[in-house]
C-alpha atoms as a PDB file:
ATOM      1  CA  MET A   1     -14.039   2.359  -1.249  1.00  0.00           C
ATOM      2  CA  PHE A   2     -13.580   0.205  -4.168  1.00  0.00           C
ATOM      3  CA  GLY A   3     -16.866  -0.462  -5.079  1.00  0.00           C
ATOM      4  CA  LEU A   4     -17.273  -2.199  -1.692  1.00  0.00           C
ATOM      5  CA  GLY A   5     -20.654  -2.478   0.516  1.00  0.00           C
ATOM      6  CA  THR A   6     -20.345  -2.833   4.203  1.00  0.00           C
ATOM      7  CA  GLN A   7     -20.853  -6.221   3.960  1.00  0.00           C
ATOM      8  CA  GLU A   8     -18.754  -7.092   1.568  1.00  0.00           C
ATOM      9  CA  LEU A   9     -15.660  -5.179   3.604  1.00  0.00           C
ATOM     10  CA  ILE A  10     -17.128  -7.598   7.206  1.00  0.00           C
ATOM     11  CA  LEU A  11     -17.118 -10.775   5.069  1.00  0.00           C
ATOM     12  CA  ILE A  12     -13.404 -10.271   4.269  1.00  0.00           C
ATOM     13  CA  ALA A  13     -12.912  -9.097   7.374  1.00  0.00           C
ATOM     14  CA  VAL A  14     -13.857 -12.237   8.423  1.00  0.00           C
ATOM     15  CA  VAL A  15     -12.729 -14.209   6.120  1.00  0.00           C
ATOM     16  CA  ILE A  16      -9.151 -12.543   7.002  1.00  0.00           C
ATOM     17  CA  LEU A  17     -10.074 -13.352  11.014  1.00  0.00           C
ATOM     18  CA  VAL A  18     -10.898 -17.273  10.245  1.00  0.00           C
ATOM     19  CA  LEU A  19      -6.944 -17.334   7.916  1.00  0.00           C
ATOM     20  CA  PHE A  20      -4.772 -15.583   9.955  1.00  0.00           C
ATOM     21  CA  GLY A  21      -6.782 -15.812  13.140  1.00  0.00           C
ATOM     22  CA  ALA A  22      -6.675 -13.061  16.052  1.00  0.00           C
ATOM     23  CA  LYS A  23      -2.723 -13.091  17.270  1.00  0.00           C
ATOM     24  CA  LYS A  24      -1.557 -12.828  13.426  1.00  0.00           C
ATOM     25  CA  ILE A  25      -4.001  -9.815  12.512  1.00  0.00           C
ATOM     26  CA  PRO A  26      -1.966  -7.349  14.141  1.00  0.00           C
ATOM     27  CA  ASP A  27       1.723  -8.689  12.641  1.00  0.00           C
ATOM     28  CA  PHE A  28       0.296  -8.987   9.559  1.00  0.00           C
ATOM     29  CA  MET A  29      -1.486  -5.101   9.730  1.00  0.00           C
ATOM     30  CA  GLN A  30       1.792  -3.764  10.209  1.00  0.00           C
ATOM     31  CA  GLY A  31       3.457  -5.822   7.696  1.00  0.00           C
ATOM     32  CA  LEU A  32       1.558  -4.632   4.900  1.00  0.00           C
ATOM     33  CA  GLY A  33       1.383  -1.340   6.975  1.00  0.00           C
ATOM     34  CA  LYS A  34       5.494  -1.181   5.586  1.00  0.00           C
ATOM     35  CA  GLY A  35       5.034  -2.324   2.548  1.00  0.00           C
ATOM     36  CA  ILE A  36       2.396  -0.023   1.539  1.00  0.00           C
ATOM     37  CA  LYS A  37       5.750   2.492   3.517  1.00  0.00           C
ATOM     38  CA  GLU A  38       7.659   1.368   0.935  1.00  0.00           C
ATOM     39  CA  PHE A  39       5.781   1.640  -2.151  1.00  0.00           C
ATOM     40  CA  LYS A  40       5.175   5.044  -1.458  1.00  0.00           C
ATOM     41  CA  LYS A  41       8.992   5.845  -0.704  1.00  0.00           C
ATOM     42  CA  ALA A  42       9.594   3.316  -4.003  1.00  0.00           C
ATOM     43  CA  SER A  43       7.036   6.213  -5.855  1.00  0.00           C
ATOM     44  CA  THR A  44       8.172   9.472  -4.171  1.00  0.00           C
ATOM     45  CA  ASP A  45      11.891   8.480  -4.855  1.00  0.00           C
ATOM     46  CA  ILE A  46      10.401   7.658  -9.059  1.00  0.00           C
ATOM     47  CA  GLU A  47       8.515  10.763  -9.674  1.00  0.00           C
ATOM     48  CA  LYS A  48      11.715  12.893  -8.237  1.00  0.00           C
ATOM     49  CA  ASP A  49      14.050  11.033 -10.792  1.00  0.00           C
ATOM     50  CA  ILE A  50      11.908  11.728 -13.630  1.00  0.00           C
ATOM     51  CA  THR A  51      11.573  15.497 -12.567  1.00  0.00           C
ATOM     52  CA  LYS A  52      15.506  15.840 -12.417  1.00  0.00           C
ATOM     53  CA  SER A  53      15.664  13.211 -15.756  1.00  0.00           C
ATOM     54  CA  ILE A  54      13.545  15.848 -17.196  1.00  0.00           C
ATOM     55  CA  GLU A  55      14.970  19.498 -16.247  1.00  0.00           C
ATOM     56  CA  ASP A  56      18.443  18.300 -16.853  1.00  0.00           C
ATOM     57  CA  LYS A  57      17.299  17.603 -20.508  1.00  0.00           C
ATOM     58  CA  LYS A  58      15.943  20.455 -20.491  1.00  0.00           C
ATOM     59  CA  GLU A  59      18.704  23.089 -19.418  1.00  0.00           C
ATOM     60  CA  VAL A  60      20.780  20.703 -22.589  1.00  0.00           C
END
């Protein structure tokens, strides 16, 4: 996974836990999830727009 081993992932998790605290992690993850969802939606919308533009140019 991204060239990271288990030890590196555990270290990253511990650092996040120390920096944000246990109470802030659910809020952080929720925000991260919303951000990823918005990114995927925007990516899909752009892909649809490009496909539509290509189809429109083929018709002309």
